[in-house]
Amino acid sequence: MINYPLKFTPILKEKIWGGTKLKDLLNKKSHSDNIGESWEISGVPDNISIVKNGSLAGKSLQELIHQYKADLLGEIVFKKFGEEFPLLIKYIDAQTELSVQLHPNDKLAKERHNSFGKTEMWYIMQADKDAEINVGFKRTISKEEYLKHLEEGDIIDLLNFEKVKKGDSFFINTGKVHAIGAGVLLAEIQQTSDITYRIYDWDRVDSKGISRELHTGLALEAIDFEKKDDFEISYDRNSNNSSNLARCEYFTTNFLPVKGKVEKDYSKVDSFVILMCVKGKVQIAIEDKMEKLQQGETILIPASITKVKLLSENAHLLEVYIE
């Protein structure tokens, strides 16, 4: 049994749209000024997280799952996913806009890529003045209308944009077109998948003058052309109380502000629990073991651990597990 919470070494990703907030605000260690993503906990092949604390330091997430199975993941999670870790946990810094994109559902992703689909959610940690995101279309459109606008280079005329601020949260279903806008720093919880269909990239090119690949054909069967106002999340922000942000078959995410001491009982949660610190710092006590978590850090509590104490003057956490 693993008797302490696990921290992993972040896997940093340079991106054409990345910036310096992951270094400057979240204390990620890098010499690059274009870090777009910090993969906090990953089971994606060739990007497997490595433990950096305690007696298991140096072990990979895959090794831990193979050795500890349901003790790490939970009985139901292990039965459903086997030795594949089901979530990918990230922090994202968009210095400039990400491409307009979407993700396939489980069925398409399995058929085409032997992968999970990609349902995801965002929690805005910081946003520059007038920063915005794209989520979905302004109105329901036809495939023909979409292709016409794409061909004529004015697809952005169809897109729905939302101004964002710190504390906003959004749920992104598979098939929904979306883009994180310039000046946004966020936490992302998603299915374990790196499958993205890029449909528009703001006509940008890399340092060699080369445009990134678009996936127009692949995207057609995956896009949801219907306008659905199902993305913005409202939630309570009461101290020391877990308030639900998102609940779906792939993950449950709660917002948990901690002031003083909170005791959590996870005995009825048959799953690992992930805590992402999106503000402040918190101490996590499990029996006689203590671990500190500060803004921009993430920790995994194995399913075999059910009693957790949290201590903080003022911290905001995202609490993630699978129901």
Protein backbone atom coordinates (compact mmCIF):
# COMPACT_ATOMS: atom_id res chain seq x y z
CA MET A 1 0.00 0.00 0.00
CA ILE A 2 1.16 3.55 -0.72
CA ASN A 3 0.83 5.53 2.50
CA TYR A 4 1.60 9.06 1.35
CA PRO A 5 0.42 11.55 -1.36
CA LEU A 6 2.40 11.55 -4.59
CA LYS A 7 3.95 14.50 -6.39
CA PHE A 8 5.23 14.11 -9.94
CA THR A 9 7.84 15.97 -11.96
CA PRO A 10 6.00 18.30 -14.37
CA ILE A 11 6.43 17.55 -18.08
CA LEU A 12 6.82 20.94 -19.74
CA LYS A 13 5.75 21.48 -23.35
CA GLU A 14 7.05 24.26 -25.58
CA LYS A 15 4.30 25.65 -27.81
CA ILE A 16 4.18 28.27 -30.55
CA TRP A 17 1.55 30.06 -28.45
CA GLY A 18 3.23 29.51 -25.03
CA GLY A 19 4.65 32.15 -22.71
CA THR A 20 6.32 32.69 -19.32
CA LYS A 21 3.44 32.54 -16.79
CA LEU A 22 4.09 28.89 -15.95
CA LYS A 23 7.57 30.00 -14.87
CA ASP A 24 6.74 33.40 -13.43
CA LEU A 25 3.45 32.62 -11.65
CA LEU A 26 3.52 28.85 -11.10
CA ASN A 27 7.27 28.41 -10.49
CA LYS A 28 7.91 25.83 -13.22
CA LYS A 29 11.60 25.38 -13.95
CA SER A 30 12.54 26.13 -17.56
CA HIS A 31 14.88 28.33 -19.62
CA SER A 32 12.30 28.65 -22.41
CA ASP A 33 10.02 31.64 -22.89
CA ASN A 34 7.46 29.58 -24.81
CA ILE A 35 6.22 27.03 -22.29
CA GLY A 36 2.56 26.42 -23.09
CA GLU A 37 1.70 23.39 -20.98
CA SER A 38 2.78 21.70 -17.77
CA TRP A 39 1.58 18.09 -17.75
CA GLU A 40 1.20 17.47 -14.03
CA ILE A 41 -0.03 13.87 -14.06
CA SER A 42 0.10 11.93 -17.30
CA GLY A 43 -0.28 8.36 -18.46
CA VAL A 44 0.03 9.32 -22.14
CA PRO A 45 2.51 6.98 -23.89
CA ASP A 46 5.99 8.55 -24.13
CA ASN A 47 4.87 11.14 -21.56
CA ILE A 48 4.53 9.06 -18.39
CA SER A 49 4.81 11.01 -15.13
CA ILE A 50 7.66 10.24 -12.71
CA VAL A 51 7.27 10.46 -8.91
CA LYS A 52 9.49 13.14 -7.34
CA ASN A 53 8.77 12.77 -3.61
CA GLY A 54 9.10 10.16 -0.89
CA SER A 55 10.25 6.56 -1.02
CA LEU A 56 8.80 5.99 -4.51
CA ALA A 57 10.74 8.87 -6.12
CA GLY A 58 11.98 7.89 -9.57
CA LYS A 59 9.18 5.38 -10.18
CA SER A 60 6.85 6.00 -13.13
CA LEU A 61 3.09 6.27 -12.82
CA GLN A 62 2.86 3.18 -15.01
CA GLU A 63 5.10 1.19 -12.64
CA LEU A 64 2.96 2.23 -9.69
CA ILE A 65 -0.28 1.19 -11.38
CA HIS A 66 1.24 -2.16 -12.34
CA GLN A 67 2.42 -2.77 -8.78
CA TYR A 68 -0.41 -1.33 -6.68
CA LYS A 69 -3.42 -1.58 -9.04
CA ALA A 70 -6.69 -0.86 -7.17
CA ASP A 71 -4.82 0.38 -4.08
CA LEU A 72 -3.70 3.29 -6.23
CA LEU A 73 -6.62 3.72 -8.64
CA GLY A 74 -9.65 2.34 -6.77
CA GLU A 75 -11.47 -0.93 -7.45
CA ILE A 76 -14.04 0.43 -9.91
CA VAL A 77 -11.50 2.60 -11.75
CA PHE A 78 -9.08 -0.32 -12.08
CA LYS A 79 -11.84 -2.63 -13.38
CA LYS A 80 -12.84 -0.05 -15.99
CA PHE A 81 -9.43 1.19 -17.15
CA GLY A 82 -7.00 -1.55 -16.16
CA GLU A 83 -3.45 -0.22 -16.11
CA GLU A 84 -4.23 2.87 -18.22
CA PHE A 85 -4.36 6.04 -16.12
CA PRO A 86 -7.67 7.68 -17.17
CA LEU A 87 -6.94 11.40 -16.69
CA LEU A 88 -4.45 13.97 -17.95
CA ILE A 89 -3.92 16.93 -15.63
CA LYS A 90 -2.40 20.18 -16.96
CA TYR A 91 -1.72 23.85 -16.41
CA ILE A 92 -1.84 25.91 -19.63
CA ASP A 93 -0.45 29.37 -20.44
CA ALA A 94 -1.69 30.93 -23.67
CA GLN A 95 0.48 33.95 -24.47
CA THR A 96 -1.26 34.03 -27.85
CA GLU A 97 -4.39 32.23 -29.04
CA LEU A 98 -4.46 28.45 -29.31
CA SER A 99 -5.79 27.07 -32.57
CA VAL A 100 -9.55 26.68 -33.01
CA GLN A 101 -9.94 22.96 -32.41
CA LEU A 102 -12.13 20.13 -31.20
CA HIS A 103 -11.72 16.59 -29.94
CA PRO A 104 -13.37 13.33 -31.03
CA ASN A 105 -15.61 11.26 -28.78
CA ASP A 106 -14.61 7.83 -27.46
CA LYS A 107 -16.09 5.94 -30.41
CA LEU A 108 -14.29 7.94 -33.12
CA ALA A 109 -11.05 8.15 -31.14
CA LYS A 110 -11.02 4.38 -30.62
CA GLU A 111 -11.74 3.64 -34.29
CA ARG A 112 -9.23 6.14 -35.69
CA HIS A 113 -6.46 6.40 -33.11
CA ASN A 114 -6.96 3.54 -30.60
CA SER A 115 -7.30 6.26 -27.98
CA PHE A 116 -9.82 7.66 -25.52
CA GLY A 117 -11.82 10.66 -26.64
CA LYS A 118 -11.23 13.99 -24.96
CA THR A 119 -13.85 15.51 -22.72
CA GLU A 120 -12.26 18.31 -20.71
CA MET A 121 -12.85 21.23 -18.35
CA TRP A 122 -11.05 24.48 -17.60
CA TYR A 123 -10.61 26.58 -14.46
CA ILE A 124 -9.31 30.10 -15.13
CA MET A 125 -6.43 30.91 -12.75
CA GLN A 126 -5.49 34.28 -14.21
CA ALA A 127 -6.59 36.32 -17.22
CA ASP A 128 -5.22 39.52 -18.70
CA LYS A 129 -7.59 42.45 -19.28
CA ASP A 130 -10.20 41.65 -21.97
CA ALA A 131 -8.93 38.08 -22.38
CA GLU A 132 -11.45 35.68 -23.90
CA ILE A 133 -12.00 32.12 -25.00
CA ASN A 134 -13.93 30.54 -27.85
CA VAL A 135 -16.54 27.94 -26.91
CA GLY A 136 -18.87 26.65 -29.60
CA PHE A 137 -20.70 28.49 -32.39
CA LYS A 138 -22.79 31.67 -32.15
CA ARG A 139 -25.72 29.75 -33.60
CA THR A 140 -26.56 26.34 -34.99
CA ILE A 141 -25.05 25.96 -38.45
CA SER A 142 -24.98 23.37 -41.23
CA LYS A 143 -21.96 21.44 -42.40
CA GLU A 144 -22.19 23.25 -45.75
CA GLU A 145 -22.19 26.68 -44.12
CA TYR A 146 -19.25 25.71 -41.97
CA LEU A 147 -17.21 24.52 -44.98
CA LYS A 148 -18.03 27.69 -46.92
CA HIS A 149 -16.76 29.94 -44.12
CA LEU A 150 -13.70 27.73 -43.67
CA GLU A 151 -12.85 27.95 -47.36
CA GLU A 152 -13.34 31.72 -47.41
CA GLY A 153 -11.13 32.19 -44.35
CA ASP A 154 -13.75 33.82 -42.12
CA ILE A 155 -14.59 30.93 -39.79
CA ILE A 156 -14.15 33.24 -36.78
CA ASP A 157 -17.39 35.01 -37.81
CA LEU A 158 -19.26 31.87 -36.70
CA LEU A 159 -17.50 31.41 -33.37
CA ASN A 160 -18.85 32.28 -29.92
CA PHE A 161 -16.38 34.22 -27.75
CA GLU A 162 -16.63 34.71 -23.97
CA LYS A 163 -14.72 37.21 -21.82
CA VAL A 164 -13.04 35.43 -18.90
CA LYS A 165 -11.73 36.29 -15.45
CA LYS A 166 -10.07 34.50 -12.56
CA GLY A 167 -12.36 31.84 -11.09
CA ASP A 168 -14.45 31.23 -14.23
CA SER A 169 -14.88 27.57 -15.17
CA PHE A 170 -15.96 25.84 -18.38
CA PHE A 171 -16.90 22.32 -19.44
CA ILE A 172 -15.93 21.29 -22.98
CA ASN A 173 -17.78 18.34 -24.48
CA THR A 174 -16.28 16.33 -27.32
CA GLY A 175 -17.16 17.83 -30.69
CA LYS A 176 -17.40 21.42 -29.40
CA VAL A 177 -15.09 23.84 -31.22
CA HIS A 178 -13.00 25.84 -28.77
CA ALA A 179 -9.85 27.90 -28.34
CA ILE A 180 -8.08 29.35 -25.32
CA GLY A 181 -7.46 33.03 -26.01
CA ALA A 182 -4.37 35.16 -25.52
CA GLY A 183 -3.54 36.09 -21.94
CA VAL A 184 -5.26 33.14 -20.22
CA LEU A 185 -3.67 30.89 -17.59
CA LEU A 186 -5.79 27.90 -16.62
CA ALA A 187 -5.96 24.45 -15.06
CA GLU A 188 -7.26 21.68 -17.30
CA ILE A 189 -8.70 18.29 -16.38
CA GLN A 190 -9.28 15.92 -19.28
CA GLN A 191 -9.49 12.33 -20.37
CA THR A 192 -6.15 10.73 -21.15
CA SER A 193 -5.88 11.66 -24.81
CA ASP A 194 -3.64 13.81 -26.96
CA ILE A 195 -5.97 13.74 -30.00
CA THR A 196 -6.77 17.22 -31.32
CA TYR A 197 -8.40 18.21 -34.61
CA ARG A 198 -7.15 21.70 -35.53
CA ILE A 199 -9.51 23.55 -37.88
CA TYR A 200 -8.10 27.10 -37.89
CA ASP A 201 -4.77 28.51 -36.67
CA TRP A 202 -5.09 32.29 -37.16
CA ASP A 203 -2.92 32.08 -40.34
CA ARG A 204 0.21 31.86 -38.19
CA VAL A 205 3.51 30.25 -39.16
CA ASP A 206 6.49 29.00 -37.17
CA SER A 207 10.03 30.39 -37.19
CA LYS A 208 10.63 28.65 -40.53
CA GLY A 209 7.52 30.15 -42.12
CA ILE A 210 5.63 26.85 -41.99
CA SER A 211 1.95 26.66 -41.05
CA ARG A 212 0.80 23.95 -38.65
CA GLU A 213 -1.26 21.09 -40.02
CA LEU A 214 -5.03 21.46 -40.12
CA HIS A 215 -7.37 18.47 -39.78
CA THR A 216 -10.35 19.60 -41.85
CA GLY A 217 -11.36 16.16 -43.08
CA LEU A 218 -10.97 14.36 -39.76
CA ALA A 219 -12.88 17.10 -37.96
CA LEU A 220 -15.98 17.00 -40.16
CA GLU A 221 -17.46 13.85 -38.67
CA ALA A 222 -16.54 14.91 -35.14
CA ILE A 223 -17.89 18.49 -34.99
CA ASP A 224 -21.07 19.36 -33.12
CA PHE A 225 -22.65 22.06 -35.33
CA GLU A 226 -25.46 22.77 -32.86
CA LYS A 227 -25.32 25.82 -30.60
CA LYS A 228 -25.44 24.60 -27.00
CA ASP A 229 -25.10 26.83 -23.95
CA ASP A 230 -23.86 23.95 -21.82
CA PHE A 231 -20.32 25.11 -21.12
CA GLU A 232 -20.24 27.81 -18.42
CA ILE A 233 -20.17 26.51 -14.86
CA SER A 234 -21.69 28.25 -11.84
CA TYR A 235 -20.68 27.12 -8.36
CA ASP A 236 -20.61 28.02 -4.67
CA ARG A 237 -17.41 29.38 -3.13
CA ASN A 238 -17.99 28.68 0.55
CA SER A 239 -14.83 28.09 2.56
CA ASN A 240 -14.00 24.52 3.62
CA ASN A 241 -16.75 23.06 1.45
CA SER A 242 -16.40 21.04 -1.77
CA SER A 243 -18.60 22.66 -4.42
CA ASN A 244 -19.16 20.74 -7.64
CA LEU A 245 -17.79 22.22 -10.86
CA ALA A 246 -18.21 19.27 -13.21
CA ARG A 247 -19.55 15.74 -13.00
CA CYS A 248 -19.45 13.34 -15.93
CA GLU A 249 -18.61 9.68 -16.51
CA TYR A 250 -14.94 10.59 -16.98
CA PHE A 251 -14.28 12.78 -13.92
CA THR A 252 -15.78 14.77 -11.08
CA THR A 253 -14.19 18.11 -10.20
CA ASN A 254 -14.97 20.17 -7.10
CA PHE A 255 -13.85 23.62 -6.00
CA LEU A 256 -12.50 23.52 -2.45
CA PRO A 257 -11.45 26.77 -0.70
CA VAL A 258 -9.51 26.02 2.50
CA LYS A 259 -9.29 28.45 5.43
CA GLY A 260 -8.00 26.94 8.63
CA LYS A 261 -8.34 23.16 8.91
CA VAL A 262 -10.46 20.80 6.80
CA GLU A 263 -10.75 17.07 7.37
CA LYS A 264 -11.71 15.04 4.30
CA ASP A 265 -13.11 11.53 4.40
CA TYR A 266 -12.71 9.79 1.03
CA SER A 267 -13.85 6.36 2.22
CA LYS A 268 -16.92 6.51 -0.06
CA VAL A 269 -14.88 7.61 -3.08
CA ASP A 270 -13.65 4.45 -4.81
CA SER A 271 -10.99 6.38 -6.71
CA PHE A 272 -7.68 8.17 -6.41
CA VAL A 273 -8.10 11.87 -5.58
CA ILE A 274 -6.11 14.61 -7.30
CA LEU A 275 -5.67 18.03 -5.68
CA MET A 276 -4.58 20.97 -7.85
CA CYS A 277 -3.62 24.12 -5.97
CA VAL A 278 -4.93 27.08 -7.99
CA LYS A 279 -4.34 29.73 -5.30
CA GLY A 280 -2.22 30.06 -2.17
CA LYS A 281 -0.58 27.14 -0.38
CA VAL A 282 -1.82 24.27 1.74
CA GLN A 283 -0.39 21.57 3.99
CA ILE A 284 -1.68 18.03 3.44
CA ALA A 285 -1.49 15.73 6.45
CA ILE A 286 -1.99 11.95 6.17
CA GLU A 287 -1.41 10.19 9.50
CA ASP A 288 2.11 11.29 10.50
CA LYS A 289 3.15 12.42 7.01
CA MET A 290 2.98 16.03 5.82
CA GLU A 291 3.28 17.40 2.28
CA LYS A 292 3.11 21.03 1.16
CA LEU A 293 1.29 22.15 -1.95
CA GLN A 294 1.54 25.65 -3.42
CA GLN A 295 -0.11 27.42 -6.33
CA GLY A 296 0.64 25.56 -9.55
CA GLU A 297 1.40 22.23 -7.86
CA THR A 298 -0.59 19.01 -8.03
CA ILE A 299 -0.74 15.93 -5.84
CA LEU A 300 -2.28 12.46 -6.18
CA ILE A 301 -3.80 10.77 -3.15
CA PRO A 302 -3.95 6.98 -3.66
CA ALA A 303 -7.37 5.32 -3.32
CA SER A 304 -6.17 3.35 -0.30
CA ILE A 305 -5.83 6.61 1.67
CA THR A 306 -9.21 7.76 2.98
CA LYS A 307 -8.46 10.31 5.72
CA VAL A 308 -6.81 13.59 4.76
CA LYS A 309 -6.32 16.83 6.71
CA LEU A 310 -5.83 20.13 4.89
CA LEU A 311 -4.41 23.22 6.62
CA SER A 312 -4.14 26.68 5.06
CA GLU A 313 -4.59 30.39 5.74
CA ASN A 314 -6.31 30.77 2.37
CA ALA A 315 -5.95 28.28 -0.50
CA HIS A 316 -8.13 27.30 -3.43
CA LEU A 317 -7.99 23.68 -4.58
CA LEU A 318 -9.52 21.67 -7.40
CA GLU A 319 -10.50 18.24 -6.09
CA VAL A 320 -10.67 15.62 -8.85
CA TYR A 321 -11.74 11.96 -8.80
CA ILE A 322 -13.80 9.43 -10.76
CA GLU A 323 -17.24 8.40 -9.57
